[in-house]
């Protein structure tokens, strides 16, 4: 006799305990991750946890009467959104309101302070040559403040030196006015023309050096106004620092303030900009291996590299402080390194950076400058009262829906309902732990639409169980016993479940890509729970069903098992009666003959 071949189903279901052990290990690992991270509840969105709402108003700028338009406002909102969420402040809401306002909602419990500091930062970045530097407090003499030292390695540096020995020897002839006039004209001419000054320029510079301050001032009213602004500027006054360059253009010579590495205020006269933030391709906060301090590395674009090389080649042969270039962010000097060789593709912003401040600066530079200037119109605290009421109502609706599903499963599937409920419990544990861990990991925040997505997922998960159970019942109706029915039903149910979950996941992915704001929370949760449904069905529901099919309660088709052949309309012995009607059924009874 031929030995019957072992079915593929029997081999596939011989060790269901491995799959169950795997999913148990996954759940234990996720729960352990919650204890290790110290996070036991999901991060909540602004509608559930409250937060801060910031209203930014766009300001008109001189020379740009039509700058405030829909295109620039939408661009600014997009940049602010990427800045804030780039810091890990997930679920921040950024939207335009009216013609000149942008509303930024930041959830409580996130990097709220840092986000607030950056939302309205214009991040206009310019590289300007340093013409003059002095102490930040207002002064009428020529006392020079500490200036960055030259670098012998060719890298940009910003080191503080002792300024006590930097006093000028002749205060009457070396006033800031005379110094600024002679130095400013020489450096500006050098940057606009060739690196080698012309004869006329040299003669002019010599004449300026011999001229008195009053003569220089009368010869150049613009220089007089600039020097007066420089002399009277008090860098310790925030309002003075903010307004000193109001209306200035990149091509103008300006006065600006900044702190050196010793955290002391300095004021500068800076020449026109030749390189700006649009020439920066990439920025990143790193630790300088030589100094051990946090710095911001910048990589220039192709055209930016050429501009930067041209600028540094002109500065490298100048005397201090005119061999420095100032990195100016929103009117403030962030760093003023000196140059000893030509630099091209990269630059480094150094200073008194902490890790957070370096990452914040790199963040705003990475996403570009805002096309408009904004100021905070209002800052209000948002309560979670309304969201809490809606969440309470949503949870009640979810509980009612879950209860109806359970009642239906118990009434219709009886013993099989235990398998479905255990699978729902496993899915719930995986969903909750993942949502909790994704908060600190990727900044995921649970909002009301996300809760709705989780509730919808209950129906998707229950649908997978029903497909599997109905396939098993179909096999039993065809006359098979419970154990082979489970294994033969699985391949057909598996295909249906995968197709159904793929459609749901595809819909969630498209919705996540094409939408913004809270709707993305719904799409993300729906996609996550759909993937978890596949994991639970393959690693929990199917192996558990295989094990239970070996138990007498289910294998015998008990009336409360949900697999009772009589209740399913089977007429036993179905296969025996079919074999008796065949041509080789055996000898015929003489009485019937």
Protein backbone atom coordinates (compact mmCIF):
# COMPACT_ATOMS: atom_id res chain seq x y z
CA UNK A 1 0.00 0.00 0.00
CA UNK A 2 1.10 3.48 -0.73
CA UNK A 3 1.86 5.53 2.35
CA UNK A 4 -0.22 8.70 2.37
CA UNK A 5 1.85 11.83 2.07
CA UNK A 6 1.99 14.23 4.96
CA UNK A 7 0.06 17.36 4.12
CA UNK A 8 1.82 20.72 4.02
CA UNK A 9 -0.69 22.04 6.52
CA UNK A 10 0.24 19.44 9.12
CA UNK A 11 3.89 20.34 8.88
CA UNK A 12 3.23 24.05 8.98
CA UNK A 13 1.15 23.85 12.15
CA UNK A 14 3.30 21.35 14.03
CA UNK A 15 5.02 23.98 16.22
CA UNK A 16 2.57 26.84 16.88
CA UNK A 17 4.18 27.42 20.26
CA UNK A 18 7.15 29.15 18.57
CA UNK A 19 4.97 31.88 17.08
CA UNK A 20 3.16 32.42 20.39
CA UNK A 21 6.50 32.61 22.23
CA UNK A 22 7.75 35.21 19.74
CA UNK A 23 4.80 37.55 20.18
CA UNK A 24 4.96 37.16 23.97
CA UNK A 25 8.65 38.12 23.84
CA UNK A 26 7.78 41.17 21.72
CA UNK A 27 5.12 42.30 24.20
CA UNK A 28 7.44 41.79 27.17
CA UNK A 29 10.19 43.77 25.40
CA UNK A 30 7.84 46.66 24.66
CA UNK A 31 6.54 46.75 28.23
CA UNK A 32 10.13 46.60 29.47
CA UNK A 33 10.98 49.52 27.20
CA UNK A 34 8.27 51.56 28.91
CA UNK A 35 9.81 50.89 32.32
CA UNK A 36 13.32 51.67 31.08
CA UNK A 37 12.24 54.96 29.51
CA UNK A 38 10.06 55.83 32.48
CA UNK A 39 7.16 56.63 30.14
CA UNK A 40 3.88 54.89 30.89
CA UNK A 41 1.35 57.00 29.02
CA UNK A 42 1.31 58.23 25.41
CA UNK A 43 2.28 61.82 24.72
CA UNK A 44 -0.85 63.88 24.17
CA UNK A 45 -1.48 66.44 21.45
CA UNK A 46 -2.44 70.04 22.10
CA UNK A 47 -6.17 69.24 21.91
CA UNK A 48 -5.81 66.76 24.79
CA UNK A 49 -2.92 68.16 26.83
CA UNK A 50 -3.17 71.90 26.16
CA UNK A 51 -0.15 74.04 25.35
CA UNK A 52 0.85 77.45 24.03
CA UNK A 53 -0.64 79.35 21.12
CA UNK A 54 1.57 82.00 19.51
CA UNK A 55 0.27 84.59 17.06
CA UNK A 56 2.92 86.02 14.74
CA UNK A 57 2.29 89.17 12.74
CA UNK A 58 4.23 89.93 9.57
CA UNK A 59 5.90 93.35 9.48
CA UNK A 60 6.34 95.58 6.47
CA UNK A 61 9.97 96.15 5.54
CA UNK A 62 11.41 99.27 3.88
CA UNK A 63 11.73 98.83 0.15
CA UNK A 64 9.41 95.80 0.09
CA UNK A 65 5.86 97.20 -0.05
CA UNK A 66 4.32 94.01 -1.50
CA UNK A 67 6.31 91.44 0.46
CA UNK A 68 3.34 90.39 2.60
CA UNK A 69 1.42 88.15 0.21
CA UNK A 70 -0.10 84.68 0.22
CA UNK A 71 2.95 83.01 -1.31
CA UNK A 72 5.37 84.41 1.27
CA UNK A 73 2.97 83.70 4.13
CA UNK A 74 2.52 80.07 3.05
CA UNK A 75 6.28 79.69 2.64
CA UNK A 76 6.89 81.13 6.10
CA UNK A 77 4.29 78.80 7.65
CA UNK A 78 5.93 75.80 5.99
CA UNK A 79 9.42 76.79 7.22
CA UNK A 80 8.17 77.38 10.78
CA UNK A 81 6.39 74.02 10.76
CA UNK A 82 9.55 72.19 9.65
CA UNK A 83 11.67 74.09 12.17
CA UNK A 84 9.44 73.28 15.12
CA UNK A 85 8.84 69.65 14.20
CA UNK A 86 12.53 69.31 13.36
CA UNK A 87 13.19 69.91 17.07
CA UNK A 88 11.00 66.97 18.03
CA UNK A 89 7.94 69.07 18.89
CA UNK A 90 5.46 66.77 17.19
CA UNK A 91 1.84 67.70 16.55
CA UNK A 92 2.66 71.41 16.45
CA UNK A 93 0.02 73.21 14.42
CA UNK A 94 1.13 76.02 12.10
CA UNK A 95 -1.42 77.80 9.96
CA UNK A 96 -1.97 81.19 8.41
CA UNK A 97 -4.78 83.46 9.58
CA UNK A 98 -5.95 86.42 7.56
CA UNK A 99 -3.47 88.29 5.40
CA UNK A 100 -0.56 88.79 7.79
CA UNK A 101 -0.85 86.44 10.78
CA UNK A 102 0.49 82.95 11.48
CA UNK A 103 -0.84 80.87 14.39
CA UNK A 104 1.54 78.37 16.00
CA UNK A 105 0.14 75.90 18.55
CA UNK A 106 2.78 74.02 20.57
CA UNK A 107 1.67 71.11 22.80
CA UNK A 108 2.53 71.19 26.49
CA UNK A 109 5.26 68.84 27.68
CA UNK A 110 7.51 69.27 24.62
CA UNK A 111 10.46 71.55 23.81
CA UNK A 112 8.06 74.43 24.17
CA UNK A 113 10.58 77.07 25.25
CA UNK A 114 13.06 76.36 22.45
CA UNK A 115 10.26 76.19 19.90
CA UNK A 116 8.91 79.56 20.97
CA UNK A 117 12.37 81.10 20.57
CA UNK A 118 12.63 79.87 17.00
CA UNK A 119 9.16 80.20 15.50
CA UNK A 120 9.55 83.87 14.65
CA UNK A 121 13.29 83.88 14.03
CA UNK A 122 13.81 85.24 10.56
CA UNK A 123 17.21 83.49 10.25
CA UNK A 124 18.63 85.98 7.75
CA UNK A 125 22.26 84.89 7.60
CA UNK A 126 25.03 87.08 6.15
CA UNK A 127 28.81 86.88 6.05
CA UNK A 128 30.23 90.40 6.36
CA UNK A 129 33.83 91.66 6.60
CA UNK A 130 34.77 93.22 9.94
CA UNK A 131 35.95 96.83 9.60
CA UNK A 132 36.09 97.90 13.25
CA UNK A 133 35.50 96.26 16.62
CA UNK A 134 35.23 97.84 20.05
CA UNK A 135 33.80 97.21 23.49
CA UNK A 136 30.03 96.80 23.54
CA UNK A 137 29.34 99.59 26.02
CA UNK A 138 29.06 103.18 24.70
CA UNK A 139 32.41 104.94 24.79
CA UNK A 140 34.06 108.00 23.34
CA UNK A 141 37.63 106.70 23.38
CA UNK A 142 39.39 104.12 21.28
CA UNK A 143 39.50 101.29 23.79
CA UNK A 144 39.61 98.10 21.83
CA UNK A 145 37.85 95.04 23.04
CA UNK A 146 39.16 91.50 22.72
CA UNK A 147 39.21 90.40 19.11
CA UNK A 148 39.38 86.90 17.67
CA UNK A 149 42.89 85.67 17.04
CA UNK A 150 44.27 84.53 13.72
CA UNK A 151 44.24 80.85 12.86
CA UNK A 152 47.38 79.14 11.67
CA UNK A 153 45.54 76.02 10.51
CA UNK A 154 43.31 77.73 7.99
CA UNK A 155 40.12 77.01 9.96
CA UNK A 156 37.86 79.68 11.30
CA UNK A 157 38.33 80.38 14.97
CA UNK A 158 36.80 82.64 17.58
CA UNK A 159 39.08 82.81 20.60
CA UNK A 160 38.85 85.42 23.32
CA UNK A 161 42.02 87.29 24.29
CA UNK A 162 42.79 89.61 27.12
CA UNK A 163 41.81 93.11 26.08
CA UNK A 164 43.64 94.90 28.89
CA UNK A 165 46.75 95.45 26.76
CA UNK A 166 44.85 96.42 23.61
CA UNK A 167 44.59 100.12 24.53
CA UNK A 168 45.48 102.59 21.81
CA UNK A 169 48.54 104.72 22.58
CA UNK A 170 47.18 107.97 21.15
CA UNK A 171 43.54 108.55 22.02
CA UNK A 172 43.39 111.96 20.39
CA UNK A 173 44.45 110.76 16.96
CA UNK A 174 42.98 107.25 17.06
CA UNK A 175 39.37 107.96 17.83
CA UNK A 176 36.77 105.41 16.66
CA UNK A 177 35.68 107.88 14.00
CA UNK A 178 39.08 108.13 12.37
CA UNK A 179 39.74 104.44 12.72
CA UNK A 180 36.39 103.44 11.29
CA UNK A 181 36.78 105.84 8.37
CA UNK A 182 40.24 104.70 7.29
CA UNK A 183 39.74 101.00 7.98
CA UNK A 184 36.22 100.93 6.63
CA UNK A 185 37.14 102.56 3.33
CA UNK A 186 40.20 100.36 2.82
CA UNK A 187 38.42 97.07 3.49
CA UNK A 188 35.28 97.98 1.58
CA UNK A 189 37.32 99.02 -1.47
CA UNK A 190 39.33 95.83 -1.26
CA UNK A 191 36.19 93.68 -1.22
CA UNK A 192 34.51 95.50 -4.06
CA UNK A 193 37.57 95.61 -6.27
CA UNK A 194 40.75 93.47 -6.50
CA UNK A 195 42.71 92.11 -3.56
CA UNK A 196 45.51 94.56 -4.50
CA UNK A 197 44.50 98.20 -3.87
CA UNK A 198 44.90 100.70 -6.69
CA UNK A 199 47.25 103.63 -6.48
CA UNK A 200 44.43 106.10 -6.08
CA UNK A 201 42.92 104.03 -3.29
CA UNK A 202 46.27 103.87 -1.50
CA UNK A 203 46.71 107.61 -1.80
CA UNK A 204 43.22 108.17 -0.50
CA UNK A 205 43.87 105.87 2.45
CA UNK A 206 47.09 107.71 3.31
CA UNK A 207 45.26 110.99 3.15
CA UNK A 208 42.57 109.63 5.42
CA UNK A 209 45.18 108.49 7.93
CA UNK A 210 46.58 112.01 8.09
CA UNK A 211 43.18 113.68 8.22
CA UNK A 212 41.61 114.75 11.45
CA UNK A 213 38.32 113.25 12.63
CA UNK A 214 36.45 116.43 11.89
CA UNK A 215 37.81 116.60 8.36
CA UNK A 216 36.82 113.00 7.68
CA UNK A 217 33.36 113.56 9.05
CA UNK A 218 32.77 116.68 6.98
CA UNK A 219 34.01 114.91 3.85
CA UNK A 220 31.63 111.98 4.24
CA UNK A 221 28.27 112.64 5.98
CA UNK A 222 27.27 108.95 5.66
CA UNK A 223 30.43 107.92 7.49
CA UNK A 224 29.73 110.52 10.17
CA UNK A 225 26.24 109.14 10.78
CA UNK A 226 27.55 105.59 10.84
CA UNK A 227 30.33 106.47 13.24
CA UNK A 228 27.97 108.31 15.53
CA UNK A 229 25.70 105.29 15.61
CA UNK A 230 28.71 103.10 16.36
CA UNK A 231 29.98 105.33 19.16
CA UNK A 232 26.62 105.73 20.87
CA UNK A 233 25.50 102.10 20.53
CA UNK A 234 25.07 100.28 23.83
CA UNK A 235 25.06 96.53 23.11
CA UNK A 236 23.80 95.76 26.59
CA UNK A 237 20.49 97.41 25.65
CA UNK A 238 18.31 94.85 23.84
CA UNK A 239 16.12 97.49 22.21
CA UNK A 240 19.20 99.30 20.88
CA UNK A 241 20.61 96.07 19.43
CA UNK A 242 17.29 95.22 17.78
CA UNK A 243 16.69 98.61 16.15
CA UNK A 244 20.22 99.63 15.19
CA UNK A 245 20.01 98.06 11.70
CA UNK A 246 16.33 98.50 11.00
CA UNK A 247 15.82 98.93 7.26
CA UNK A 248 19.44 98.06 6.40
CA UNK A 249 20.13 96.17 3.18
CA UNK A 250 22.73 93.43 2.57
CA UNK A 251 24.74 95.91 0.48
CA UNK A 252 24.91 98.50 3.28
CA UNK A 253 27.69 98.98 5.80
CA UNK A 254 26.13 98.36 9.20
CA UNK A 255 26.76 98.47 12.93
CA UNK A 256 26.06 95.27 14.88
CA UNK A 257 26.56 93.66 18.28
CA UNK A 258 27.73 90.24 19.34
CA UNK A 259 29.24 88.31 22.24
CA UNK A 260 32.73 86.86 22.17
CA UNK A 261 33.69 83.49 23.65
CA UNK A 262 34.25 85.21 27.01
CA UNK A 263 30.55 86.18 26.96
CA UNK A 264 31.40 89.89 26.65
CA UNK A 265 29.52 92.28 24.37
CA UNK A 266 31.36 93.72 21.40
CA UNK A 267 30.18 96.11 18.70
CA UNK A 268 31.27 96.04 15.09
CA UNK A 269 31.27 98.08 11.92
CA UNK A 270 30.66 95.54 9.17
CA UNK A 271 31.03 95.89 5.42
CA UNK A 272 28.54 94.80 2.73
CA UNK A 273 27.63 91.11 2.53
CA UNK A 274 28.92 88.94 -0.30
CA UNK A 275 27.67 85.58 1.05
CA UNK A 276 24.26 84.92 2.61
CA UNK A 277 22.18 82.10 4.06
CA UNK A 278 20.86 81.02 0.66
CA UNK A 279 24.39 79.92 -0.18
CA UNK A 280 24.36 77.42 2.72
CA UNK A 281 23.52 73.89 1.60
CA UNK A 282 23.59 72.08 4.95
CA UNK A 283 24.29 72.87 8.61
CA UNK A 284 24.93 70.53 11.51
CA UNK A 285 25.76 70.87 15.22
CA UNK A 286 28.93 68.92 16.12
CA UNK A 287 31.66 68.89 18.76
CA UNK A 288 34.96 70.43 17.65
CA UNK A 289 37.58 67.73 18.22
CA UNK A 290 40.32 70.26 19.06
CA UNK A 291 38.47 72.54 21.45
CA UNK A 292 35.86 70.07 22.69
CA UNK A 293 33.17 72.76 22.27
CA UNK A 294 29.91 72.66 20.34
CA UNK A 295 30.06 74.36 16.95
CA UNK A 296 27.87 74.58 13.86
CA UNK A 297 29.38 73.31 10.61
CA UNK A 298 28.04 74.74 7.37
CA UNK A 299 28.42 73.32 3.88
CA UNK A 300 28.04 75.78 1.00
CA UNK A 301 26.44 75.30 -2.37
CA UNK A 302 28.57 75.42 -5.53
CA UNK A 303 28.04 79.14 -6.08
CA UNK A 304 28.30 79.79 -2.35
CA UNK A 305 31.70 78.08 -2.21
CA UNK A 306 33.01 80.38 -4.93
CA UNK A 307 31.71 83.49 -3.15
CA UNK A 308 33.14 82.36 0.20
CA UNK A 309 36.53 81.55 -1.37
CA UNK A 310 36.63 84.99 -2.99
CA UNK A 311 35.77 86.72 0.28
CA UNK A 312 38.26 84.82 2.45
CA UNK A 313 41.05 85.25 -0.12
CA UNK A 314 40.70 89.03 0.23
CA UNK A 315 40.59 88.91 4.03
CA UNK A 316 43.48 86.54 4.75
CA UNK A 317 46.22 89.14 4.08
CA UNK A 318 44.56 91.96 6.04
CA UNK A 319 45.61 93.12 9.49
CA UNK A 320 43.43 92.36 12.52
CA UNK A 321 40.55 92.99 12.86
CA UNK A 322 40.09 93.41 9.11
CA UNK A 323 41.07 89.79 8.49
CA UNK A 324 37.86 88.69 10.21
CA UNK A 325 34.43 88.03 8.76
CA UNK A 326 31.34 88.31 10.92
CA UNK A 327 28.60 85.69 10.74
CA UNK A 328 25.47 87.80 11.22
CA UNK A 329 22.16 86.11 12.05
CA UNK A 330 19.11 88.39 12.16
CA UNK A 331 21.31 91.44 12.76
CA UNK A 332 23.36 89.92 15.59
CA UNK A 333 26.98 88.79 15.24
CA UNK A 334 27.00 85.12 16.19
CA UNK A 335 30.71 84.69 15.56
CA UNK A 336 33.57 86.74 14.09
CA UNK A 337 36.39 84.33 13.21
CA UNK A 338 39.66 85.41 11.66
CA UNK A 339 40.97 84.04 8.37
CA UNK A 340 44.54 82.95 7.67
CA UNK A 341 43.96 81.06 4.40
CA UNK A 342 41.38 80.83 1.63
CA UNK A 343 38.29 78.83 2.62
CA UNK A 344 35.71 77.51 0.20
CA UNK A 345 33.22 74.70 0.73
CA UNK A 346 32.81 74.70 4.51
CA UNK A 347 32.69 77.12 7.42
CA UNK A 348 32.35 76.74 11.14
CA UNK A 349 30.37 78.92 13.52
CA UNK A 350 31.97 78.80 16.95
CA UNK A 351 31.26 80.61 20.17
CA UNK A 352 29.79 79.99 23.60
CA UNK A 353 27.42 77.30 22.34
CA UNK A 354 25.72 74.66 24.43
CA UNK A 355 24.49 71.52 22.72
CA UNK A 356 20.95 72.89 22.65
CA UNK A 357 21.89 76.32 21.27
CA UNK A 358 24.12 74.76 18.61
CA UNK A 359 21.36 72.38 17.52
CA UNK A 360 18.83 75.22 17.50
CA UNK A 361 21.05 77.35 15.26
CA UNK A 362 21.75 74.43 12.91
CA UNK A 363 18.03 73.74 12.79
CA UNK A 364 16.99 77.23 11.69
CA UNK A 365 19.80 77.39 9.13
CA UNK A 366 18.92 73.97 7.69
CA UNK A 367 15.35 74.96 6.87
CA UNK A 368 16.20 78.37 5.48
CA UNK A 369 15.29 81.94 6.30
CA UNK A 370 11.76 83.23 6.59
CA UNK A 371 10.77 85.42 3.65
CA UNK A 372 9.18 87.91 6.04
CA UNK A 373 9.94 89.49 9.40
CA UNK A 374 7.54 88.61 12.23
CA UNK A 375 6.95 89.76 15.76
CA UNK A 376 4.91 88.10 18.50
CA UNK A 377 1.48 89.67 18.60
CA UNK A 378 0.18 87.48 21.43
CA UNK A 379 1.05 84.37 23.43
CA UNK A 380 -1.79 82.51 25.13
CA UNK A 381 -2.12 79.29 27.08
CA UNK A 382 -4.45 76.66 25.61
CA UNK A 383 -6.38 74.45 28.05
CA UNK A 384 -7.29 70.84 27.38
CA UNK A 385 -10.84 71.16 28.76
CA UNK A 386 -12.62 70.92 25.41
CA UNK A 387 -10.34 68.16 24.16
CA UNK A 388 -10.81 66.25 27.41
CA UNK A 389 -14.60 66.35 27.02
CA UNK A 390 -14.36 65.17 23.43
CA UNK A 391 -11.92 62.43 24.42
CA UNK A 392 -14.30 61.30 27.16
CA UNK A 393 -17.14 61.15 24.65
CA UNK A 394 -14.94 59.33 22.15
CA UNK A 395 -13.85 56.75 24.69
CA UNK A 396 -17.46 56.13 25.63
CA UNK A 397 -18.33 55.63 21.97
CA UNK A 398 -15.36 53.29 21.58
CA UNK A 399 -16.35 51.32 24.66
CA UNK A 400 -19.91 50.95 23.38
CA UNK A 401 -18.63 49.81 19.99
CA UNK A 402 -16.24 47.31 21.59
CA UNK A 403 -19.02 45.98 23.81
CA UNK A 404 -21.29 45.44 20.79
CA UNK A 405 -18.48 43.59 18.98
CA UNK A 406 -17.92 41.36 22.02
CA UNK A 407 -21.64 40.60 22.34
CA UNK A 408 -21.84 39.71 18.66
CA UNK A 409 -18.78 37.44 18.89
CA UNK A 410 -20.07 35.64 21.99
CA UNK A 411 -23.57 35.10 20.59
CA UNK A 412 -22.52 34.06 17.11
CA UNK A 413 -19.15 32.39 17.59
CA UNK A 414 -19.46 31.18 21.21
CA UNK A 415 -16.16 29.46 22.11
CA UNK A 416 -14.35 31.07 19.20
CA UNK A 417 -15.08 34.42 20.79
CA UNK A 418 -12.41 33.63 23.40
CA UNK A 419 -9.84 33.48 20.60
CA UNK A 420 -11.07 36.80 19.21
CA UNK A 421 -11.04 38.53 22.61
CA UNK A 422 -7.56 37.25 23.42
CA UNK A 423 -6.36 38.52 20.02
CA UNK A 424 -7.96 41.93 20.62
CA UNK A 425 -6.22 42.08 24.00
CA UNK A 426 -2.85 41.27 22.40
CA UNK A 427 -3.46 43.93 19.73
CA UNK A 428 -4.40 46.46 22.42
CA UNK A 429 -1.21 45.80 24.39
CA UNK A 430 0.97 46.19 21.30
CA UNK A 431 -0.83 49.37 20.21
CA UNK A 432 -0.66 51.05 23.62
CA UNK A 433 3.00 50.25 24.27
CA UNK A 434 4.07 51.36 20.79
CA UNK A 435 2.16 54.64 21.06
CA UNK A 436 3.79 55.26 24.43
CA UNK A 437 7.32 54.52 23.19
CA UNK A 438 6.90 56.44 19.92
CA UNK A 439 6.31 59.65 21.90
CA UNK A 440 9.91 60.13 23.08
CA UNK A 441 11.32 58.22 20.07
CA UNK A 442 9.84 60.17 17.14
CA UNK A 443 7.68 62.78 18.87
CA UNK A 444 4.36 61.04 18.18
CA UNK A 445 1.52 62.69 20.07
CA UNK A 446 -1.92 61.20 20.55
CA UNK A 447 -4.68 63.58 19.51
CA UNK A 448 -8.41 63.13 19.02
CA UNK A 449 -8.20 61.99 15.37
CA UNK A 450 -5.55 59.45 16.42
CA UNK A 451 -7.94 58.09 19.03
CA UNK A 452 -10.58 57.78 16.31
CA UNK A 453 -8.09 55.85 14.20
CA UNK A 454 -7.50 53.42 17.07
CA UNK A 455 -11.26 52.91 17.48
CA UNK A 456 -11.70 52.24 13.76
CA UNK A 457 -8.88 49.68 14.04
CA UNK A 458 -11.05 47.56 16.37
CA UNK A 459 -13.37 46.85 13.47
CA UNK A 460 -10.47 46.07 11.11
CA UNK A 461 -8.95 43.62 13.61
CA UNK A 462 -12.30 41.94 14.33
CA UNK A 463 -12.91 41.60 10.59
CA UNK A 464 -9.71 39.55 10.24
CA UNK A 465 -10.89 37.11 12.92
CA UNK A 466 -14.28 36.75 11.30
CA UNK A 467 -12.71 35.96 7.91
CA UNK A 468 -10.61 33.20 9.49
CA UNK A 469 -13.49 31.76 11.51
CA UNK A 470 -15.81 31.66 8.51
CA UNK A 471 -13.20 29.86 6.41
CA UNK A 472 -12.90 27.21 9.15
CA UNK A 473 -16.66 26.81 9.24
CA UNK A 474 -16.77 26.40 5.44
CA UNK A 475 -14.29 23.56 5.70
CA UNK A 476 -16.35 21.88 8.40
CA UNK A 477 -19.48 22.20 6.25
CA UNK A 478 -17.62 20.29 3.57
CA UNK A 479 -17.27 17.38 6.00
CA UNK A 480 -13.82 17.87 7.50
CA UNK A 481 -13.02 17.58 11.17
CA UNK A 482 -11.81 20.61 13.15
CA UNK A 483 -8.01 20.09 13.01
CA UNK A 484 -7.67 19.73 9.23
CA UNK A 485 -10.37 22.37 8.76
CA UNK A 486 -8.24 24.93 10.62
CA UNK A 487 -5.15 24.20 8.51
CA UNK A 488 -6.99 24.12 5.18
CA UNK A 489 -8.89 27.31 5.99
CA UNK A 490 -5.76 29.30 6.86
CA UNK A 491 -4.25 29.75 3.34
CA UNK A 492 -7.55 31.05 1.95
CA UNK A 493 -8.19 33.32 4.96
CA UNK A 494 -4.57 34.55 4.90
CA UNK A 495 -4.86 35.84 1.35
CA UNK A 496 -8.11 37.65 2.12
CA UNK A 497 -6.72 39.21 5.30
CA UNK A 498 -3.53 40.40 3.59
CA UNK A 499 -5.43 41.98 0.71
CA UNK A 500 -7.85 43.70 3.09
CA UNK A 501 -5.08 45.02 5.34
CA UNK A 502 -3.01 46.16 2.36
CA UNK A 503 -5.92 48.27 1.09
CA UNK A 504 -6.40 49.79 4.55
CA UNK A 505 -2.69 50.52 4.95
CA UNK A 506 -2.48 52.04 1.46
CA UNK A 507 -5.41 54.33 2.24
CA UNK A 508 -3.76 55.36 5.53
CA UNK A 509 -0.42 56.04 3.79
CA UNK A 510 -2.01 58.19 1.08
CA UNK A 511 -4.03 60.09 3.68
CA UNK A 512 -0.89 60.71 5.74
CA UNK A 513 1.04 62.03 2.74
CA UNK A 514 -1.58 64.36 1.28
CA UNK A 515 -2.90 65.83 4.55
CA UNK A 516 -1.44 68.00 7.30
CA UNK A 517 -2.07 68.59 10.97
CA UNK A 518 -4.39 66.45 13.03
CA UNK A 519 -5.62 64.33 10.13
CA UNK A 520 -2.13 62.89 9.90
CA UNK A 521 -2.59 61.56 13.44
CA UNK A 522 -5.64 59.60 12.29
CA UNK A 523 -3.77 58.23 9.26
CA UNK A 524 -0.69 57.30 11.30
CA UNK A 525 -2.70 55.42 13.92
CA UNK A 526 -4.78 53.64 11.28
CA UNK A 527 -1.65 52.53 9.43
CA UNK A 528 0.06 51.40 12.64
CA UNK A 529 -2.89 49.34 13.86
CA UNK A 530 -3.31 47.78 10.41
CA UNK A 531 0.28 46.52 10.52
CA UNK A 532 -0.27 45.24 14.06
CA UNK A 533 -3.38 43.39 12.86
CA UNK A 534 -1.19 41.35 10.48
CA UNK A 535 1.29 40.63 13.28
CA UNK A 536 -1.43 39.51 15.71
CA UNK A 537 -3.28 37.32 13.21
CA UNK A 538 -0.10 35.57 12.03
CA UNK A 539 1.72 35.22 15.36
CA UNK A 540 -1.18 34.92 17.80
CA UNK A 541 -4.60 34.11 16.36
CA UNK A 542 -3.54 31.35 13.96
CA UNK A 543 -1.16 29.53 16.38
CA UNK A 544 -3.69 29.79 19.19
CA UNK A 545 -6.41 28.37 16.98
CA UNK A 546 -4.14 25.47 16.00
CA UNK A 547 -3.51 24.61 19.65
CA UNK A 548 -7.19 24.84 20.62
CA UNK A 549 -8.21 22.62 17.68
CA UNK A 550 -6.31 19.80 19.38
CA UNK A 551 -8.34 20.15 22.55
CA UNK A 552 -11.39 17.96 23.00
CA UNK A 553 -13.78 20.86 23.52
CA UNK A 554 -13.15 22.19 20.00
CA UNK A 555 -12.03 18.99 18.26
CA UNK A 556 -15.26 17.18 19.18
CA UNK A 557 -17.37 20.03 17.90
CA UNK A 558 -18.98 20.87 21.23
CA UNK A 559 -22.19 22.85 20.86
CA UNK A 560 -20.63 25.82 22.69
CA UNK A 561 -17.38 25.72 20.75
CA UNK A 562 -18.75 27.59 17.77
CA UNK A 563 -17.74 24.70 15.51
CA UNK A 564 -20.65 22.35 16.12
CA UNK A 565 -21.26 20.47 12.80
CA UNK A 566 -25.00 20.13 13.48
CA UNK A 567 -25.35 23.85 14.11
CA UNK A 568 -23.45 24.50 10.88
CA UNK A 569 -25.87 22.31 8.90
CA UNK A 570 -23.56 19.32 8.31
CA UNK A 571 -25.23 15.89 7.76
CA UNK A 572 -22.80 13.30 9.22
CA UNK A 573 -21.32 10.99 8.17
CA UNK A 574 -20.98 13.02 5.00
CA UNK A 575 -17.79 11.47 3.62
CA UNK A 576 -18.85 7.87 4.59
CA UNK A 577 -22.13 8.15 2.67
CA UNK A 578 -20.28 9.46 -0.35
CA UNK A 579 -17.89 6.48 -0.29
CA UNK A 580 -20.85 4.01 -0.02
CA UNK A 581 -22.37 5.25 -3.29
CA UNK A 582 -19.25 4.53 -5.31
CA UNK A 583 -18.88 1.61 -7.78
CA UNK A 584 -16.47 -0.16 -5.43
CA UNK A 585 -18.66 0.11 -2.38
CA UNK A 586 -18.53 -3.65 -1.62
CA UNK A 587 -20.84 -6.72 -1.96
CA UNK A 588 -24.53 -6.17 -2.46
CA UNK A 589 -27.00 -7.50 0.12
CA UNK A 590 -28.83 -10.58 -1.30
CA UNK A 591 -32.11 -9.31 0.05
CA UNK A 592 -31.75 -6.05 -1.88
CA UNK A 593 -30.91 -8.06 -5.02
